[in-house]
Amino acid sequence: MTQQIHFKIPMPDDVRQWLDRAAPRAERSRGAHVIFLLRQEMEKEKASDTALGKQSDASQQ
């Protein structure tokens, strides 16, 4: 199992309010939804890099 690191992220009010609405709609906690969204971005980067013949950090997970 991967070790989890906890940290605080300064977040503008409008982003926090959006997250407070979006996470429950996706049946996730705020933290789980942020991780989900970040993993989506990692996969996009991986797909883009693969198409260009590169290997990204996200592909090494």
PDB file of N, CA and C in Angstrom:
ATOM      1  N   MET A   1       0.845  -1.184   0.000  1.00  0.00           N
ATOM      2  CA  MET A   1       0.000   0.000   0.000  1.00  0.00           C
ATOM      3  C   MET A   1       0.885   1.241   0.000  1.00  0.00           C
ATOM      4  N   THR A   2       0.471   2.225  -0.755  1.00  0.00           N
ATOM      5  CA  THR A   2       1.201   3.476  -0.852  1.00  0.00           C
ATOM      6  C   THR A   2       0.956   4.336   0.379  1.00  0.00           C
ATOM      7  N   GLN A   3       2.016   4.917   0.874  1.00  0.00           N
ATOM      8  CA  GLN A   3       1.887   5.824   2.021  1.00  0.00           C
ATOM      9  C   GLN A   3       1.154   7.084   1.588  1.00  0.00           C
ATOM     10  N   GLN A   4       0.225   7.528   2.403  1.00  0.00           N
ATOM     11  CA  GLN A   4      -0.504   8.748   2.110  1.00  0.00           C
ATOM     12  C   GLN A   4       0.143   9.911   2.841  1.00  0.00           C
ATOM     13  N   ILE A   5       0.300  11.001   2.132  1.00  0.00           N
ATOM     14  CA  ILE A   5       0.849  12.224   2.700  1.00  0.00           C
ATOM     15  C   ILE A   5      -0.287  13.233   2.788  1.00  0.00           C
ATOM     16  N   HIS A   6      -0.461  13.838   3.925  1.00  0.00           N
ATOM     17  CA  HIS A   6      -1.513  14.827   4.122  1.00  0.00           C
ATOM     18  C   HIS A   6      -0.901  16.219   4.069  1.00  0.00           C
ATOM     19  N   PHE A   7      -1.590  17.133   3.394  1.00  0.00           N
ATOM     20  CA  PHE A   7      -1.147  18.521   3.372  1.00  0.00           C
ATOM     21  C   PHE A   7      -2.348  19.420   3.109  1.00  0.00           C
ATOM     22  N   LYS A   8      -2.203  20.663   3.464  1.00  0.00           N
ATOM     23  CA  LYS A   8      -3.257  21.646   3.258  1.00  0.00           C
ATOM     24  C   LYS A   8      -3.020  22.379   1.954  1.00  0.00           C
ATOM     25  N   ILE A   9      -4.102  22.667   1.266  1.00  0.00           N
ATOM     26  CA  ILE A   9      -4.030  23.404   0.010  1.00  0.00           C
ATOM     27  C   ILE A   9      -4.843  24.683   0.171  1.00  0.00           C
ATOM     28  N   PRO A  10      -4.222  25.834   0.006  1.00  0.00           N
ATOM     29  CA  PRO A  10      -5.014  27.066   0.002  1.00  0.00           C
ATOM     30  C   PRO A  10      -5.987  27.016  -1.182  1.00  0.00           C
ATOM     31  N   MET A  11      -7.258  27.272  -0.916  1.00  0.00           N
ATOM     32  CA  MET A  11      -8.260  27.121  -1.953  1.00  0.00           C
ATOM     33  C   MET A  11      -9.192  28.340  -1.958  1.00  0.00           C
ATOM     34  N   PRO A  12      -9.346  28.964  -3.114  1.00  0.00           N
ATOM     35  CA  PRO A  12     -10.280  30.085  -3.192  1.00  0.00           C
ATOM     36  C   PRO A  12     -11.695  29.622  -2.821  1.00  0.00           C
ATOM     37  N   ASP A  13     -12.482  30.538  -2.280  1.00  0.00           N
ATOM     38  CA  ASP A  13     -13.832  30.194  -1.833  1.00  0.00           C
ATOM     39  C   ASP A  13     -14.685  29.580  -2.946  1.00  0.00           C
ATOM     40  N   ASP A  14     -14.590  30.125  -4.145  1.00  0.00           N
ATOM     41  CA  ASP A  14     -15.431  29.591  -5.222  1.00  0.00           C
ATOM     42  C   ASP A  14     -15.057  28.156  -5.578  1.00  0.00           C
ATOM     43  N   VAL A  15     -13.781  27.823  -5.506  1.00  0.00           N
ATOM     44  CA  VAL A  15     -13.341  26.453  -5.789  1.00  0.00           C
ATOM     45  C   VAL A  15     -13.812  25.514  -4.671  1.00  0.00           C
ATOM     46  N   ARG A  16     -13.679  25.951  -3.425  1.00  0.00           N
ATOM     47  CA  ARG A  16     -14.137  25.128  -2.297  1.00  0.00           C
ATOM     48  C   ARG A  16     -15.642  24.903  -2.376  1.00  0.00           C
ATOM     49  N   GLN A  17     -16.397  25.943  -2.725  1.00  0.00           N
ATOM     50  CA  GLN A  17     -17.848  25.805  -2.840  1.00  0.00           C
ATOM     51  C   GLN A  17     -18.221  24.839  -3.951  1.00  0.00           C
ATOM     52  N   TRP A  18     -17.508  24.923  -5.077  1.00  0.00           N
ATOM     53  CA  TRP A  18     -17.752  23.981  -6.171  1.00  0.00           C
ATOM     54  C   TRP A  18     -17.461  22.559  -5.713  1.00  0.00           C
ATOM     55  N   LEU A  19     -16.332  22.365  -5.031  1.00  0.00           N
ATOM     56  CA  LEU A  19     -15.952  21.042  -4.545  1.00  0.00           C
ATOM     57  C   LEU A  19     -16.968  20.504  -3.539  1.00  0.00           C
ATOM     58  N   ASP A  20     -17.478  21.386  -2.690  1.00  0.00           N
ATOM     59  CA  ASP A  20     -18.493  20.984  -1.712  1.00  0.00           C
ATOM     60  C   ASP A  20     -19.777  20.505  -2.391  1.00  0.00           C
ATOM     61  N   ARG A  21     -20.060  21.003  -3.588  1.00  0.00           N
ATOM     62  CA  ARG A  21     -21.237  20.542  -4.341  1.00  0.00           C
ATOM     63  C   ARG A  21     -20.906  19.318  -5.189  1.00  0.00           C
ATOM     64  N   ALA A  22     -19.740  19.313  -5.823  1.00  0.00           N
ATOM     65  CA  ALA A  22     -19.385  18.264  -6.777  1.00  0.00           C
ATOM     66  C   ALA A  22     -19.090  16.923  -6.107  1.00  0.00           C
ATOM     67  N   ALA A  23     -18.403  16.948  -4.973  1.00  0.00           N
ATOM     68  CA  ALA A  23     -18.011  15.688  -4.321  1.00  0.00           C
ATOM     69  C   ALA A  23     -19.213  14.830  -3.926  1.00  0.00           C
ATOM     70  N   PRO A  24     -20.212  15.382  -3.255  1.00  0.00           N
ATOM     71  CA  PRO A  24     -21.370  14.542  -2.909  1.00  0.00           C
ATOM     72  C   PRO A  24     -22.125  14.014  -4.132  1.00  0.00           C
ATOM     73  N   ARG A  25     -22.189  14.824  -5.204  1.00  0.00           N
ATOM     74  CA  ARG A  25     -22.850  14.346  -6.428  1.00  0.00           C
ATOM     75  C   ARG A  25     -22.135  13.128  -6.987  1.00  0.00           C
ATOM     76  N   ALA A  26     -20.818  13.078  -6.810  1.00  0.00           N
ATOM     77  CA  ALA A  26     -20.022  11.945  -7.288  1.00  0.00           C
ATOM     78  C   ALA A  26     -19.902  10.852  -6.213  1.00  0.00           C
ATOM     79  N   GLU A  27     -20.607  11.057  -5.094  1.00  0.00           N
ATOM     80  CA  GLU A  27     -20.583  10.118  -3.967  1.00  0.00           C
ATOM     81  C   GLU A  27     -19.158   9.892  -3.454  1.00  0.00           C
ATOM     82  N   ARG A  28     -18.428  11.009  -3.301  1.00  0.00           N
ATOM     83  CA  ARG A  28     -17.067  10.970  -2.785  1.00  0.00           C
ATOM     84  C   ARG A  28     -16.919  12.046  -1.714  1.00  0.00           C
ATOM     85  N   SER A  29     -15.918  11.866  -0.866  1.00  0.00           N
ATOM     86  CA  SER A  29     -15.532  12.940   0.048  1.00  0.00           C
ATOM     87  C   SER A  29     -14.813  14.001  -0.780  1.00  0.00           C
ATOM     88  N   ARG A  30     -14.608  15.158  -0.180  1.00  0.00           N
ATOM     89  CA  ARG A  30     -13.868  16.204  -0.901  1.00  0.00           C
ATOM     90  C   ARG A  30     -12.476  15.709  -1.273  1.00  0.00           C
ATOM     91  N   GLY A  31     -11.786  15.107  -0.316  1.00  0.00           N
ATOM     92  CA  GLY A  31     -10.429  14.622  -0.583  1.00  0.00           C
ATOM     93  C   GLY A  31     -10.402  13.557  -1.665  1.00  0.00           C
ATOM     94  N   ALA A  32     -11.343  12.623  -1.609  1.00  0.00           N
ATOM     95  CA  ALA A  32     -11.400  11.561  -2.621  1.00  0.00           C
ATOM     96  C   ALA A  32     -11.700  12.140  -3.996  1.00  0.00           C
ATOM     97  N   HIS A  33     -12.530  13.180  -4.043  1.00  0.00           N
ATOM     98  CA  HIS A  33     -12.864  13.782  -5.335  1.00  0.00           C
ATOM     99  C   HIS A  33     -11.659  14.523  -5.913  1.00  0.00           C
ATOM    100  N   VAL A  34     -10.915  15.207  -5.072  1.00  0.00           N
ATOM    101  CA  VAL A  34      -9.697  15.885  -5.540  1.00  0.00           C
ATOM    102  C   VAL A  34      -8.724  14.843  -6.098  1.00  0.00           C
ATOM    103  N   ILE A  35      -8.546  13.740  -5.399  1.00  0.00           N
ATOM    104  CA  ILE A  35      -7.642  12.681  -5.876  1.00  0.00           C
ATOM    105  C   ILE A  35      -8.140  12.110  -7.195  1.00  0.00           C
ATOM    106  N   PHE A  36      -9.449  11.879  -7.301  1.00  0.00           N
ATOM    107  CA  PHE A  36     -10.031  11.386  -8.545  1.00  0.00           C
ATOM    108  C   PHE A  36      -9.718  12.326  -9.711  1.00  0.00           C
ATOM    109  N   LEU A  37      -9.935  13.620  -9.496  1.00  0.00           N
ATOM    110  CA  LEU A  37      -9.683  14.603 -10.552  1.00  0.00           C
ATOM    111  C   LEU A  37      -8.203  14.671 -10.924  1.00  0.00           C
ATOM    112  N   LEU A  38      -7.334  14.600  -9.928  1.00  0.00           N
ATOM    113  CA  LEU A  38      -5.891  14.616 -10.214  1.00  0.00           C
ATOM    114  C   LEU A  38      -5.478  13.371 -10.996  1.00  0.00           C
ATOM    115  N   ARG A  39      -6.026  12.224 -10.631  1.00  0.00           N
ATOM    116  CA  ARG A  39      -5.705  10.992 -11.377  1.00  0.00           C
ATOM    117  C   ARG A  39      -6.203  11.062 -12.818  1.00  0.00           C
ATOM    118  N   GLN A  40      -7.355  11.697 -13.043  1.00  0.00           N
ATOM    119  CA  GLN A  40      -7.829  11.897 -14.416  1.00  0.00           C
ATOM    120  C   GLN A  40      -6.817  12.714 -15.214  1.00  0.00           C
ATOM    121  N   GLU A  41      -6.303  13.770 -14.600  1.00  0.00           N
ATOM    122  CA  GLU A  41      -5.303  14.602 -15.277  1.00  0.00           C
ATOM    123  C   GLU A  41      -4.017  13.815 -15.540  1.00  0.00           C
ATOM    124  N   MET A  42      -3.636  12.981 -14.583  1.00  0.00           N
ATOM    125  CA  MET A  42      -2.452  12.137 -14.779  1.00  0.00           C
ATOM    126  C   MET A  42      -2.643  11.215 -15.982  1.00  0.00           C
ATOM    127  N   GLU A  43      -3.829  10.632 -16.103  1.00  0.00           N
ATOM    128  CA  GLU A  43      -4.106   9.733 -17.224  1.00  0.00           C
ATOM    129  C   GLU A  43      -4.117  10.486 -18.556  1.00  0.00           C
ATOM    130  N   LYS A  44      -4.656  11.703 -18.560  1.00  0.00           N
ATOM    131  CA  LYS A  44      -4.627  12.521 -19.784  1.00  0.00           C
ATOM    132  C   LYS A  44      -3.185  12.792 -20.201  1.00  0.00           C
ATOM    133  N   GLU A  45      -2.354  13.138 -19.225  1.00  0.00           N
ATOM    134  CA  GLU A  45      -0.942  13.406 -19.513  1.00  0.00           C
ATOM    135  C   GLU A  45      -0.260  12.149 -20.036  1.00  0.00           C
ATOM    136  N   LYS A  46      -0.553  11.036 -19.415  1.00  0.00           N
ATOM    137  CA  LYS A  46       0.041   9.757 -19.834  1.00  0.00           C
ATOM    138  C   LYS A  46      -0.360   9.439 -21.273  1.00  0.00           C
ATOM    139  N   ALA A  47      -1.649   9.616 -21.590  1.00  0.00           N
ATOM    140  CA  ALA A  47      -2.131   9.335 -22.943  1.00  0.00           C
ATOM    141  C   ALA A  47      -1.492  10.281 -23.950  1.00  0.00           C
ATOM    142  N   SER A  48      -1.372  11.533 -23.591  1.00  0.00           N
ATOM    143  CA  SER A  48      -0.758  12.520 -24.472  1.00  0.00           C
ATOM    144  C   SER A  48       0.709  12.190 -24.710  1.00  0.00           C
ATOM    145  N   ASP A  49       1.415  11.871 -23.628  1.00  0.00           N
ATOM    146  CA  ASP A  49       2.836  11.540 -23.752  1.00  0.00           C
ATOM    147  C   ASP A  49       3.041  10.254 -24.550  1.00  0.00           C
ATOM    148  N   THR A  50       2.156   9.285 -24.371  1.00  0.00           N
ATOM    149  CA  THR A  50       2.251   8.028 -25.118  1.00  0.00           C
ATOM    150  C   THR A  50       2.063   8.298 -26.602  1.00  0.00           C
ATOM    151  N   ALA A  51       1.117   9.163 -26.922  1.00  0.00           N
ATOM    152  CA  ALA A  51       0.873   9.508 -28.327  1.00  0.00           C
ATOM    153  C   ALA A  51       2.083  10.202 -28.935  1.00  0.00           C
ATOM    154  N   LEU A  52       2.831  10.922 -28.120  1.00  0.00           N
ATOM    155  CA  LEU A  52       4.021  11.636 -28.598  1.00  0.00           C
ATOM    156  C   LEU A  52       5.290  10.799 -28.452  1.00  0.00           C
ATOM    157  N   GLY A  53       5.158   9.580 -27.926  1.00  0.00           N
ATOM    158  CA  GLY A  53       6.318   8.715 -27.760  1.00  0.00           C
ATOM    159  C   GLY A  53       7.166   9.037 -26.566  1.00  0.00           C
ATOM    160  N   LYS A  54       6.606   9.740 -25.576  1.00  0.00           N
ATOM    161  CA  LYS A  54       7.320  10.096 -24.352  1.00  0.00           C
ATOM    162  C   LYS A  54       6.831   9.223 -23.204  1.00  0.00           C
ATOM    163  N   GLN A  55       7.609   9.217 -22.130  1.00  0.00           N
ATOM    164  CA  GLN A  55       7.167   8.545 -20.910  1.00  0.00           C
ATOM    165  C   GLN A  55       7.092   9.595 -19.818  1.00  0.00           C
ATOM    166  N   SER A  56       5.891   9.767 -19.238  1.00  0.00           N
ATOM    167  CA  SER A  56       5.692  10.788 -18.212  1.00  0.00           C
ATOM    168  C   SER A  56       5.830  10.168 -16.833  1.00  0.00           C
ATOM    169  N   ASP A  57       5.886  11.032 -15.816  1.00  0.00           N
ATOM    170  CA  ASP A  57       5.908  10.570 -14.426  1.00  0.00           C
ATOM    171  C   ASP A  57       4.658   9.776 -14.109  1.00  0.00           C
ATOM    172  N   ALA A  58       3.513  10.186 -14.663  1.00  0.00           N
ATOM    173  CA  ALA A  58       2.244   9.513 -14.385  1.00  0.00           C
ATOM    174  C   ALA A  58       2.275   8.071 -14.894  1.00  0.00           C
ATOM    175  N   SER A  59       3.035   7.792 -15.953  1.00  0.00           N
ATOM    176  CA  SER A  59       3.073   6.439 -16.503  1.00  0.00           C
ATOM    177  C   SER A  59       3.933   5.507 -15.655  1.00  0.00           C
ATOM    178  N   GLN A  60       4.651   6.056 -14.710  1.00  0.00           N
ATOM    179  CA  GLN A  60       5.528   5.237 -13.872  1.00  0.00           C
ATOM    180  C   GLN A  60       4.846   4.816 -12.587  1.00  0.00           C
ATOM    181  N   GLN A  61       3.555   5.045 -12.470  1.00  0.00           N
ATOM    182  CA  GLN A  61       2.808   4.718 -11.253  1.00  0.00           C
ATOM    183  C   GLN A  61       2.418   3.271 -11.249  1.00  0.00           C
TER     184      GLN A  61
END
